[in-house]
Structure formats: structure tokens, C-alpha cells
Amino acid sequence: LLSREKAFKNPFELVFKPKVDKRLPDFLSPV
């Protein structure tokens, strides 16, 4: 919207996003 001049600000850039714990990928063993 900013790039098209249809908004004057991006409020989402000023809000901290919730931190997500990184989960290790689940995989199969060779067996």
C-alpha cells in the first residue's frame, strides 16, 4: 500500500511479532 501511495504508514512494522520456538525437523532413521 505504501509503494502504491494508498497508505501513509505501516503499523505492523512497529509491533513486535510473537516469538516462536524453533522446532527441529522430525525425520526417519535409516532403520
PDB file of all heavy atoms in Angstrom:
ATOM      1  N   LEU A   1       0.828  -1.207   0.000  1.00  0.00           N
ATOM      2  CA  LEU A   1       0.000   0.000   0.000  1.00  0.00           C
ATOM      3  C   LEU A   1       0.866   1.263   0.000  1.00  0.00           C
ATOM      4  O   LEU A   1       0.564   2.236  -0.697  1.00  0.00           O
ATOM      5  CB  LEU A   1      -0.924   0.001   1.222  1.00  0.00           C
ATOM      6  CG  LEU A   1      -2.013  -1.081   1.273  1.00  0.00           C
ATOM      7  CD1 LEU A   1      -2.802  -0.961   2.572  1.00  0.00           C
ATOM      8  CD2 LEU A   1      -2.945  -0.988   0.074  1.00  0.00           C
ATOM      9  N   LEU A   2       1.954   1.225   0.781  1.00  0.00           N
ATOM     10  CA  LEU A   2       2.864   2.371   0.816  1.00  0.00           C
ATOM     11  C   LEU A   2       3.492   2.610  -0.552  1.00  0.00           C
ATOM     12  O   LEU A   2       3.605   3.761  -1.007  1.00  0.00           O
ATOM     13  CB  LEU A   2       3.968   2.133   1.855  1.00  0.00           C
ATOM     14  CG  LEU A   2       3.573   2.332   3.327  1.00  0.00           C
ATOM     15  CD1 LEU A   2       4.691   1.841   4.239  1.00  0.00           C
ATOM     16  CD2 LEU A   2       3.308   3.808   3.604  1.00  0.00           C
ATOM     17  N   SER A   3       3.889   1.520  -1.222  1.00  0.00           N
ATOM     18  CA  SER A   3       4.525   1.658  -2.531  1.00  0.00           C
ATOM     19  C   SER A   3       3.558   2.203  -3.576  1.00  0.00           C
ATOM     20  O   SER A   3       3.982   2.798  -4.570  1.00  0.00           O
ATOM     21  CB  SER A   3       5.074   0.302  -2.995  1.00  0.00           C
ATOM     22  OG  SER A   3       4.031  -0.590  -3.324  1.00  0.00           O
ATOM     23  N   ARG A   4       2.264   2.004  -3.365  1.00  0.00           N
ATOM     24  CA  ARG A   4       1.241   2.499  -4.292  1.00  0.00           C
ATOM     25  C   ARG A   4       0.609   3.799  -3.794  1.00  0.00           C
ATOM     26  O   ARG A   4      -0.373   4.257  -4.348  1.00  0.00           O
ATOM     27  CB  ARG A   4       0.135   1.440  -4.481  1.00  0.00           C
ATOM     28  CG  ARG A   4       0.588   0.112  -5.078  1.00  0.00           C
ATOM     29  CD  ARG A   4       1.191   0.282  -6.467  1.00  0.00           C
ATOM     30  NE  ARG A   4       1.310  -0.968  -7.182  1.00  0.00           N
ATOM     31  CZ  ARG A   4       2.363  -1.791  -7.114  1.00  0.00           C
ATOM     32  NH1 ARG A   4       3.390  -1.479  -6.341  1.00  0.00           N
ATOM     33  NH2 ARG A   4       2.401  -2.903  -7.828  1.00  0.00           N
ATOM     34  N   GLU A   5       1.182   4.341  -2.688  1.00  0.00           N
ATOM     35  CA  GLU A   5       0.692   5.591  -2.095  1.00  0.00           C
ATOM     36  C   GLU A   5      -0.780   5.507  -1.702  1.00  0.00           C
ATOM     37  O   GLU A   5      -1.550   6.460  -1.833  1.00  0.00           O
ATOM     38  CB  GLU A   5       0.931   6.779  -3.045  1.00  0.00           C
ATOM     39  CG  GLU A   5       2.402   7.023  -3.328  1.00  0.00           C
ATOM     40  CD  GLU A   5       2.629   8.258  -4.194  1.00  0.00           C
ATOM     41  OE1 GLU A   5       1.638   8.784  -4.750  1.00  0.00           O
ATOM     42  OE2 GLU A   5       3.788   8.684  -4.315  1.00  0.00           O
ATOM     43  N   LYS A   6      -1.175   4.324  -1.201  1.00  0.00           N
ATOM     44  CA  LYS A   6      -2.540   4.124  -0.736  1.00  0.00           C
ATOM     45  C   LYS A   6      -2.597   4.036   0.789  1.00  0.00           C
ATOM     46  O   LYS A   6      -3.649   3.767   1.375  1.00  0.00           O
ATOM     47  CB  LYS A   6      -3.142   2.866  -1.365  1.00  0.00           C
ATOM     48  CG  LYS A   6      -3.326   3.002  -2.879  1.00  0.00           C
ATOM     49  CD  LYS A   6      -3.960   1.769  -3.473  1.00  0.00           C
ATOM     50  CE  LYS A   6      -4.184   1.943  -4.978  1.00  0.00           C
ATOM     51  NZ  LYS A   6      -4.793   0.773  -5.614  1.00  0.00           N
ATOM     52  N   ALA A   7      -1.441   4.236   1.416  1.00  0.00           N
ATOM     53  CA  ALA A   7      -1.350   4.294   2.874  1.00  0.00           C
ATOM     54  C   ALA A   7      -0.165   5.189   3.219  1.00  0.00           C
ATOM     55  O   ALA A   7       0.733   5.402   2.392  1.00  0.00           O
ATOM     56  CB  ALA A   7      -1.161   2.901   3.459  1.00  0.00           C
ATOM     57  N   PHE A   8      -0.177   5.724   4.457  1.00  0.00           N
ATOM     58  CA  PHE A   8       0.880   6.657   4.863  1.00  0.00           C
ATOM     59  C   PHE A   8       1.836   6.036   5.880  1.00  0.00           C
ATOM     60  O   PHE A   8       2.870   6.622   6.200  1.00  0.00           O
ATOM     61  CB  PHE A   8       0.251   7.918   5.458  1.00  0.00           C
ATOM     62  CG  PHE A   8      -0.723   8.587   4.526  1.00  0.00           C
ATOM     63  CD1 PHE A   8      -2.092   8.468   4.728  1.00  0.00           C
ATOM     64  CD2 PHE A   8      -0.276   9.314   3.431  1.00  0.00           C
ATOM     65  CE1 PHE A   8      -2.990   9.074   3.858  1.00  0.00           C
ATOM     66  CE2 PHE A   8      -1.169   9.922   2.561  1.00  0.00           C
ATOM     67  CZ  PHE A   8      -2.523   9.800   2.770  1.00  0.00           C
ATOM     68  N   LYS A   9       1.477   4.867   6.377  1.00  0.00           N
ATOM     69  CA  LYS A   9       2.333   4.216   7.375  1.00  0.00           C
ATOM     70  C   LYS A   9       2.063   2.713   7.350  1.00  0.00           C
ATOM     71  O   LYS A   9       1.050   2.253   6.812  1.00  0.00           O
ATOM     72  CB  LYS A   9       2.060   4.769   8.772  1.00  0.00           C
ATOM     73  CG  LYS A   9       0.625   4.556   9.258  1.00  0.00           C
ATOM     74  CD  LYS A   9       0.411   5.193  10.608  1.00  0.00           C
ATOM     75  CE  LYS A   9      -1.030   4.982  11.106  1.00  0.00           C
ATOM     76  NZ  LYS A   9      -2.048   5.594  10.246  1.00  0.00           N
ATOM     77  N   ASN A  10       3.004   1.965   7.931  1.00  0.00           N
ATOM     78  CA  ASN A  10       2.830   0.524   8.075  1.00  0.00           C
ATOM     79  C   ASN A  10       2.864   0.199   9.563  1.00  0.00           C
ATOM     80  O   ASN A  10       3.940   0.024  10.142  1.00  0.00           O
ATOM     81  CB  ASN A  10       3.931  -0.238   7.346  1.00  0.00           C
ATOM     82  CG  ASN A  10       3.689  -1.749   7.355  1.00  0.00           C
ATOM     83  OD1 ASN A  10       2.885  -2.243   8.139  1.00  0.00           O
ATOM     84  ND2 ASN A  10       4.369  -2.465   6.488  1.00  0.00           N
ATOM     85  N   PRO A  11       1.704   0.125  10.208  1.00  0.00           N
ATOM     86  CA  PRO A  11       1.664  -0.096  11.670  1.00  0.00           C
ATOM     87  C   PRO A  11       2.225  -1.454  12.081  1.00  0.00           C
ATOM     88  O   PRO A  11       2.636  -1.622  13.232  1.00  0.00           O
ATOM     89  CB  PRO A  11       0.169   0.014  11.991  1.00  0.00           C
ATOM     90  CG  PRO A  11      -0.525  -0.333  10.717  1.00  0.00           C
ATOM     91  CD  PRO A  11       0.354   0.190   9.625  1.00  0.00           C
ATOM     92  N   PHE A  12       2.255  -2.409  11.159  1.00  0.00           N
ATOM     93  CA  PHE A  12       2.730  -3.751  11.500  1.00  0.00           C
ATOM     94  C   PHE A  12       4.245  -3.790  11.706  1.00  0.00           C
ATOM     95  O   PHE A  12       4.760  -4.692  12.356  1.00  0.00           O
ATOM     96  CB  PHE A  12       2.301  -4.751  10.430  1.00  0.00           C
ATOM     97  CG  PHE A  12       0.843  -5.047  10.462  1.00  0.00           C
ATOM     98  CD1 PHE A  12      -0.061  -4.272   9.744  1.00  0.00           C
ATOM     99  CD2 PHE A  12       0.345  -6.086  11.236  1.00  0.00           C
ATOM    100  CE1 PHE A  12      -1.415  -4.526   9.789  1.00  0.00           C
ATOM    101  CE2 PHE A  12      -1.013  -6.350  11.288  1.00  0.00           C
ATOM    102  CZ  PHE A  12      -1.903  -5.567  10.571  1.00  0.00           C
ATOM    103  N   GLU A  13       4.952  -2.809  11.142  1.00  0.00           N
ATOM    104  CA  GLU A  13       6.398  -2.757  11.336  1.00  0.00           C
ATOM    105  C   GLU A  13       6.768  -2.302  12.746  1.00  0.00           C
ATOM    106  O   GLU A  13       7.894  -2.504  13.189  1.00  0.00           O
ATOM    107  CB  GLU A  13       7.032  -1.804  10.313  1.00  0.00           C
ATOM    108  CG  GLU A  13       7.079  -2.373   8.903  1.00  0.00           C
ATOM    109  CD  GLU A  13       7.827  -1.465   7.947  1.00  0.00           C
ATOM    110  OE1 GLU A  13       7.980  -0.270   8.281  1.00  0.00           O
ATOM    111  OE2 GLU A  13       8.234  -1.950   6.876  1.00  0.00           O
ATOM    112  N   LEU A  14       5.816  -1.696  13.438  1.00  0.00           N
ATOM    113  CA  LEU A  14       6.083  -1.128  14.767  1.00  0.00           C
ATOM    114  C   LEU A  14       5.607  -2.027  15.902  1.00  0.00           C
ATOM    115  O   LEU A  14       5.681  -1.656  17.068  1.00  0.00           O
ATOM    116  CB  LEU A  14       5.401   0.245  14.877  1.00  0.00           C
ATOM    117  CG  LEU A  14       5.801   1.266  13.794  1.00  0.00           C
ATOM    118  CD1 LEU A  14       4.950   2.524  13.922  1.00  0.00           C
ATOM    119  CD2 LEU A  14       7.280   1.599  13.892  1.00  0.00           C
ATOM    120  N   VAL A  15       5.130  -3.201  15.553  1.00  0.00           N
ATOM    121  CA  VAL A  15       4.604  -4.136  16.563  1.00  0.00           C
ATOM    122  C   VAL A  15       5.474  -5.394  16.583  1.00  0.00           C
ATOM    123  O   VAL A  15       5.762  -5.971  15.533  1.00  0.00           O
ATOM    124  CB  VAL A  15       3.136  -4.518  16.265  1.00  0.00           C
ATOM    125  CG1 VAL A  15       2.629  -5.536  17.269  1.00  0.00           C
ATOM    126  CG2 VAL A  15       2.261  -3.279  16.271  1.00  0.00           C
ATOM    127  N   PHE A  16       5.910  -5.796  17.776  1.00  0.00           N
ATOM    128  CA  PHE A  16       6.717  -6.996  17.900  1.00  0.00           C
ATOM    129  C   PHE A  16       5.873  -8.236  17.597  1.00  0.00           C
ATOM    130  O   PHE A  16       4.772  -8.386  18.125  1.00  0.00           O
ATOM    131  CB  PHE A  16       7.307  -7.115  19.315  1.00  0.00           C
ATOM    132  CG  PHE A  16       8.437  -6.156  19.566  1.00  0.00           C
ATOM    133  CD1 PHE A  16       8.256  -5.055  20.380  1.00  0.00           C
ATOM    134  CD2 PHE A  16       9.684  -6.367  18.981  1.00  0.00           C
ATOM    135  CE1 PHE A  16       9.295  -4.157  20.609  1.00  0.00           C
ATOM    136  CE2 PHE A  16      10.722  -5.483  19.200  1.00  0.00           C
ATOM    137  CZ  PHE A  16      10.535  -4.376  20.014  1.00  0.00           C
ATOM    138  N   LYS A  17       6.407  -9.085  16.758  1.00  0.00           N
ATOM    139  CA  LYS A  17       5.710 -10.327  16.423  1.00  0.00           C
ATOM    140  C   LYS A  17       6.024 -11.369  17.497  1.00  0.00           C
ATOM    141  O   LYS A  17       7.116 -11.375  18.054  1.00  0.00           O
ATOM    142  CB  LYS A  17       6.142 -10.837  15.045  1.00  0.00           C
ATOM    143  CG  LYS A  17       5.821  -9.852  13.916  1.00  0.00           C
ATOM    144  CD  LYS A  17       6.388 -10.326  12.601  1.00  0.00           C
ATOM    145  CE  LYS A  17       6.049  -9.326  11.489  1.00  0.00           C
ATOM    146  NZ  LYS A  17       6.638  -8.008  11.724  1.00  0.00           N
ATOM    147  N   PRO A  18       5.075 -12.256  17.803  1.00  0.00           N
ATOM    148  CA  PRO A  18       5.326 -13.278  18.836  1.00  0.00           C
ATOM    149  C   PRO A  18       6.480 -14.193  18.446  1.00  0.00           C
ATOM    150  O   PRO A  18       6.599 -14.592  17.288  1.00  0.00           O
ATOM    151  CB  PRO A  18       4.003 -14.058  18.901  1.00  0.00           C
ATOM    152  CG  PRO A  18       3.324 -13.776  17.601  1.00  0.00           C
ATOM    153  CD  PRO A  18       3.736 -12.392  17.200  1.00  0.00           C
ATOM    154  N   LYS A  19       7.346 -14.438  19.415  1.00  0.00           N
ATOM    155  CA  LYS A  19       8.480 -15.324  19.143  1.00  0.00           C
ATOM    156  C   LYS A  19       8.009 -16.772  19.120  1.00  0.00           C
ATOM    157  O   LYS A  19       7.205 -17.194  19.950  1.00  0.00           O
ATOM    158  CB  LYS A  19       9.562 -15.152  20.206  1.00  0.00           C
ATOM    159  CG  LYS A  19      10.283 -13.819  20.123  1.00  0.00           C
ATOM    160  CD  LYS A  19      11.427 -13.752  21.118  1.00  0.00           C
ATOM    161  CE  LYS A  19      12.197 -12.436  20.980  1.00  0.00           C
ATOM    162  NZ  LYS A  19      13.316 -12.357  21.942  1.00  0.00           N
ATOM    163  N   VAL A  20       8.515 -17.503  18.165  1.00  0.00           N
ATOM    164  CA  VAL A  20       8.139 -18.911  18.013  1.00  0.00           C
ATOM    165  C   VAL A  20       9.382 -19.760  18.226  1.00  0.00           C
ATOM    166  O   VAL A  20      10.416 -19.522  17.597  1.00  0.00           O
ATOM    167  CB  VAL A  20       7.557 -19.186  16.608  1.00  0.00           C
ATOM    168  CG1 VAL A  20       7.192 -20.652  16.463  1.00  0.00           C
ATOM    169  CG2 VAL A  20       6.341 -18.307  16.366  1.00  0.00           C
ATOM    170  N   ASP A  21       9.272 -20.710  19.129  1.00  0.00           N
ATOM    171  CA  ASP A  21      10.392 -21.618  19.364  1.00  0.00           C
ATOM    172  C   ASP A  21      10.620 -22.472  18.131  1.00  0.00           C
ATOM    173  O   ASP A  21       9.673 -23.067  17.589  1.00  0.00           O
ATOM    174  CB  ASP A  21      10.119 -22.534  20.570  1.00  0.00           C
ATOM    175  CG  ASP A  21      10.017 -21.744  21.868  1.00  0.00           C
ATOM    176  OD1 ASP A  21      10.667 -20.686  21.953  1.00  0.00           O
ATOM    177  OD2 ASP A  21       9.287 -22.188  22.766  1.00  0.00           O
ATOM    178  N   LYS A  22      11.866 -22.520  17.686  1.00  0.00           N
ATOM    179  CA  LYS A  22      12.177 -23.316  16.507  1.00  0.00           C
ATOM    180  C   LYS A  22      12.135 -24.803  16.856  1.00  0.00           C
ATOM    181  O   LYS A  22      12.811 -25.263  17.775  1.00  0.00           O
ATOM    182  CB  LYS A  22      13.566 -22.962  15.962  1.00  0.00           C
ATOM    183  CG  LYS A  22      13.612 -21.630  15.251  1.00  0.00           C
ATOM    184  CD  LYS A  22      14.949 -21.435  14.551  1.00  0.00           C
ATOM    185  CE  LYS A  22      14.949 -20.133  13.750  1.00  0.00           C
ATOM    186  NZ  LYS A  22      16.241 -19.919  13.051  1.00  0.00           N
ATOM    187  N   ARG A  23      11.306 -25.519  16.126  1.00  0.00           N
ATOM    188  CA  ARG A  23      11.202 -26.962  16.333  1.00  0.00           C
ATOM    189  C   ARG A  23      12.121 -27.660  15.348  1.00  0.00           C
ATOM    190  O   ARG A  23      12.135 -27.356  14.151  1.00  0.00           O
ATOM    191  CB  ARG A  23       9.761 -27.437  16.115  1.00  0.00           C
ATOM    192  CG  ARG A  23       8.791 -26.922  17.149  1.00  0.00           C
ATOM    193  CD  ARG A  23       7.384 -27.385  16.832  1.00  0.00           C
ATOM    194  NE  ARG A  23       7.290 -28.824  16.772  1.00  0.00           N
ATOM    195  CZ  ARG A  23       6.214 -29.484  16.354  1.00  0.00           C
ATOM    196  NH1 ARG A  23       5.164 -28.807  15.943  1.00  0.00           N
ATOM    197  NH2 ARG A  23       6.208 -30.798  16.328  1.00  0.00           N
ATOM    198  N   LEU A  24      12.892 -28.595  15.867  1.00  0.00           N
ATOM    199  CA  LEU A  24      13.769 -29.347  14.985  1.00  0.00           C
ATOM    200  C   LEU A  24      12.938 -30.258  14.094  1.00  0.00           C
ATOM    201  O   LEU A  24      11.929 -30.826  14.533  1.00  0.00           O
ATOM    202  CB  LEU A  24      14.766 -30.177  15.804  1.00  0.00           C
ATOM    203  CG  LEU A  24      15.795 -29.373  16.599  1.00  0.00           C
ATOM    204  CD1 LEU A  24      16.702 -30.322  17.369  1.00  0.00           C
ATOM    205  CD2 LEU A  24      16.617 -28.481  15.704  1.00  0.00           C
ATOM    206  N   PRO A  25      13.320 -30.405  12.848  1.00  0.00           N
ATOM    207  CA  PRO A  25      12.557 -31.244  11.916  1.00  0.00           C
ATOM    208  C   PRO A  25      12.489 -32.691  12.392  1.00  0.00           C
ATOM    209  O   PRO A  25      13.463 -33.234  12.917  1.00  0.00           O
ATOM    210  CB  PRO A  25      13.360 -31.153  10.610  1.00  0.00           C
ATOM    211  CG  PRO A  25      14.221 -29.955  10.762  1.00  0.00           C
ATOM    212  CD  PRO A  25      14.499 -29.806  12.211  1.00  0.00           C
ATOM    213  N   ASP A  26      11.320 -33.276  12.220  1.00  0.00           N
ATOM    214  CA  ASP A  26      11.128 -34.688  12.552  1.00  0.00           C
ATOM    215  C   ASP A  26      11.489 -35.519  11.326  1.00  0.00           C
ATOM    216  O   ASP A  26      11.086 -35.191  10.207  1.00  0.00           O
ATOM    217  CB  ASP A  26       9.662 -34.920  12.936  1.00  0.00           C
ATOM    218  CG  ASP A  26       9.458 -36.276  13.588  1.00  0.00           C
ATOM    219  OD1 ASP A  26      10.456 -36.906  13.971  1.00  0.00           O
ATOM    220  OD2 ASP A  26       8.286 -36.692  13.698  1.00  0.00           O
ATOM    221  N   PHE A  27      12.277 -36.569  11.513  1.00  0.00           N
ATOM    222  CA  PHE A  27      12.725 -37.368  10.372  1.00  0.00           C
ATOM    223  C   PHE A  27      12.814 -38.843  10.764  1.00  0.00           C
ATOM    224  O   PHE A  27      12.777 -39.201  11.946  1.00  0.00           O
ATOM    225  CB  PHE A  27      14.079 -36.867   9.862  1.00  0.00           C
ATOM    226  CG  PHE A  27      15.197 -37.000  10.877  1.00  0.00           C
ATOM    227  CD1 PHE A  27      16.079 -38.059  10.835  1.00  0.00           C
ATOM    228  CD2 PHE A  27      15.356 -36.044  11.883  1.00  0.00           C
ATOM    229  CE1 PHE A  27      17.093 -38.195  11.762  1.00  0.00           C
ATOM    230  CE2 PHE A  27      16.371 -36.163  12.818  1.00  0.00           C
ATOM    231  CZ  PHE A  27      17.249 -37.231  12.755  1.00  0.00           C
ATOM    232  N   LEU A  28      12.941 -39.695   9.749  1.00  0.00           N
ATOM    233  CA  LEU A  28      13.052 -41.137   9.966  1.00  0.00           C
ATOM    234  C   LEU A  28      14.519 -41.544  10.056  1.00  0.00           C
ATOM    235  O   LEU A  28      15.373 -40.995   9.354  1.00  0.00           O
ATOM    236  CB  LEU A  28      12.394 -41.901   8.816  1.00  0.00           C
ATOM    237  CG  LEU A  28      10.912 -41.624   8.546  1.00  0.00           C
ATOM    238  CD1 LEU A  28      10.463 -42.390   7.305  1.00  0.00           C
ATOM    239  CD2 LEU A  28      10.060 -42.014   9.744  1.00  0.00           C
ATOM    240  N   SER A  29      14.793 -42.522  10.908  1.00  0.00           N
ATOM    241  CA  SER A  29      16.143 -43.076  10.986  1.00  0.00           C
ATOM    242  C   SER A  29      16.352 -44.051   9.828  1.00  0.00           C
ATOM    243  O   SER A  29      15.372 -44.519   9.220  1.00  0.00           O
ATOM    244  CB  SER A  29      16.329 -43.813  12.317  1.00  0.00           C
ATOM    245  OG  SER A  29      15.542 -45.007  12.323  1.00  0.00           O
ATOM    246  N   PRO A  30      17.600 -44.375   9.488  1.00  0.00           N
ATOM    247  CA  PRO A  30      17.844 -45.355   8.421  1.00  0.00           C
ATOM    248  C   PRO A  30      17.138 -46.689   8.663  1.00  0.00           C
ATOM    249  O   PRO A  30      16.647 -47.314   7.719  1.00  0.00           O
ATOM    250  CB  PRO A  30      19.364 -45.520   8.437  1.00  0.00           C
ATOM    251  CG  PRO A  30      19.871 -44.215   8.961  1.00  0.00           C
ATOM    252  CD  PRO A  30      18.857 -43.772   9.979  1.00  0.00           C
ATOM    253  N   VAL A  31      17.073 -47.110   9.926  1.00  0.00           N
ATOM    254  CA  VAL A  31      16.402 -48.374  10.264  1.00  0.00           C
ATOM    255  C   VAL A  31      14.909 -48.263   9.972  1.00  0.00           C
ATOM    256  O   VAL A  31      14.300 -49.202   9.425  1.00  0.00           O
ATOM    257  CB  VAL A  31      16.630 -48.728  11.752  1.00  0.00           C
ATOM    258  CG1 VAL A  31      15.783 -49.939  12.155  1.00  0.00           C
ATOM    259  CG2 VAL A  31      18.107 -49.013  12.009  1.00  0.00           C
TER     260      VAL A  31
END
